[in-house]
Protein backbone atom coordinates (compact mmCIF):
# COMPACT_ATOMS: atom_id res chain seq x y z
CA MET A 1 -2.92 -20.23 11.91
CA GLY A 2 -0.28 -20.68 9.53
CA ASP A 3 2.87 -18.51 8.51
CA PRO A 4 2.74 -15.47 10.79
CA ARG A 5 4.30 -13.50 7.74
CA ASN A 6 1.09 -14.11 5.76
CA TYR A 7 -1.26 -13.11 8.69
CA ARG A 8 0.98 -9.76 8.80
CA ILE A 9 0.39 -9.14 5.09
CA TYR A 10 -3.36 -10.32 5.57
CA GLN A 11 -3.76 -7.59 8.38
CA ALA A 12 -1.94 -5.03 6.52
CA GLY A 13 -4.56 -5.51 3.51
CA GLN A 14 -7.20 -5.30 6.05
CA ARG A 15 -5.97 -1.87 7.30
CA LEU A 16 -5.68 -0.54 3.71
CA ARG A 17 -9.15 -1.45 3.38
CA GLN A 18 -10.22 0.42 6.41
CA ILE A 19 -8.53 3.42 5.41
CA ARG A 20 -10.19 3.29 1.91
CA GLU A 21 -13.43 2.95 3.60
CA GLU A 22 -12.72 5.72 6.26
CA ARG A 23 -12.15 8.05 2.91
CA GLY A 24 -15.73 6.94 1.43
CA LEU A 25 -13.97 5.49 -1.64
CA THR A 26 -14.98 2.30 -3.48
CA LEU A 27 -12.63 0.04 -5.29
CA ARG A 28 -13.78 1.61 -8.42
CA ASP A 29 -13.00 5.00 -7.08
CA VAL A 30 -9.42 3.95 -6.44
CA GLU A 31 -8.96 2.46 -9.73
CA GLU A 32 -10.25 5.62 -11.47
CA GLN A 33 -7.99 7.77 -9.52
CA SER A 34 -4.98 5.58 -9.99
CA ARG A 35 -5.83 5.90 -13.94
CA ARG A 36 -5.31 9.71 -13.56
CA ILE A 37 -1.95 9.09 -11.75
CA VAL A 38 -0.93 6.71 -14.71
CA GLU A 39 -1.89 9.43 -17.25
CA GLU A 40 0.16 12.13 -15.23
CA MET A 41 3.16 9.91 -14.50
CA GLN A 42 3.22 8.11 -17.91
CA LEU A 43 4.05 5.00 -16.34
CA PHE A 44 1.23 2.01 -16.21
CA ASP A 45 2.87 0.40 -13.23
CA TYR A 46 1.02 3.06 -10.98
CA LEU A 47 -2.15 1.67 -12.24
CA ILE A 48 -4.11 -0.50 -9.35
CA THR A 49 -7.38 -2.16 -10.56
CA ALA A 50 -10.31 -2.55 -8.47
CA GLY A 51 -9.76 -6.26 -8.80
CA ARG A 52 -6.08 -6.25 -7.73
CA LEU A 53 -6.88 -3.82 -4.76
CA SER A 54 -9.42 -6.45 -3.58
CA GLN A 55 -6.71 -8.92 -3.72
CA VAL A 56 -4.44 -6.84 -1.58
CA GLU A 57 -7.09 -5.99 0.85
CA ASN A 58 -8.38 -9.57 1.16
CA SER A 59 -5.51 -11.85 0.77
CA ASN A 60 -1.98 -12.48 1.30
CA THR A 61 -1.15 -10.47 -1.68
CA LEU A 62 1.83 -7.78 -1.68
CA PRO A 63 1.29 -4.55 -3.76
CA SER A 64 4.37 -3.46 -5.76
CA LEU A 65 6.11 -0.41 -4.69
CA TYR A 66 4.49 1.42 -7.48
CA LYS A 67 0.99 0.49 -6.32
CA LEU A 68 1.84 1.28 -2.83
CA ALA A 69 2.90 4.91 -3.81
CA THR A 70 -0.37 5.12 -5.79
CA LEU A 71 -2.36 4.15 -2.71
CA SER A 72 -0.30 6.79 -0.76
CA PHE A 73 -1.17 9.35 -3.36
CA ILE A 74 -4.67 8.39 -3.15
CA TYR A 75 -5.23 8.26 0.62
CA LYS A 76 -2.89 11.02 1.10
CA LEU A 77 -0.64 9.25 3.58
CA PRO A 78 2.93 9.60 3.65
CA LEU A 79 4.73 6.54 1.88
CA THR A 80 6.45 5.91 4.99
CA GLU A 81 3.02 5.21 6.86
CA MET A 82 2.43 2.69 3.88
CA PHE A 83 5.45 0.70 4.71
CA ARG A 84 4.51 0.93 8.41
CA ILE A 85 1.34 -0.74 7.85
CA TYR A 86 3.56 -3.63 6.15
CA GLY A 87 5.68 -3.76 9.41
CA ILE A 88 8.42 -1.80 7.72
CA ASP A 89 9.88 1.40 9.98
CA VAL A 90 11.67 3.42 7.79
CA PRO A 91 14.17 5.87 9.84
CA THR A 92 13.98 9.60 9.52
CA ALA A 93 17.06 11.51 8.68
CA GLU A 94 17.55 11.95 12.48
CA GLU A 95 17.53 8.54 13.40
CA PRO A 96 20.40 6.23 12.83
CA VAL A 97 20.15 3.57 10.03
CA PRO A 98 20.07 0.05 11.47
CA THR A 99 23.15 -2.06 10.66
CA LEU A 100 23.37 -5.82 9.98
CA SER A 101 25.85 -7.69 12.13
CA SER A 102 28.63 -9.96 10.43
């Protein structure tokens, strides 16, 4: 099967695709909405093109934090949920933060 980390990233991309399709959005719709976010935030890093989103959804490509934030805005999901899709559990303020043993 190859590297399990790559498979996890692939699964996350497939989940993002499912979320997009559940919302009735095309790749182009997401790109257009991301362009509006770029205009509002005045930061080009928020742009996610249809081609880039297709790569994220269909391969082992990780989105940047800015692009993940863009998808969070567009899909109306908390950013912590977007992290969970990629296997990153972010503790809430009530939960203890994990520490690394030395």
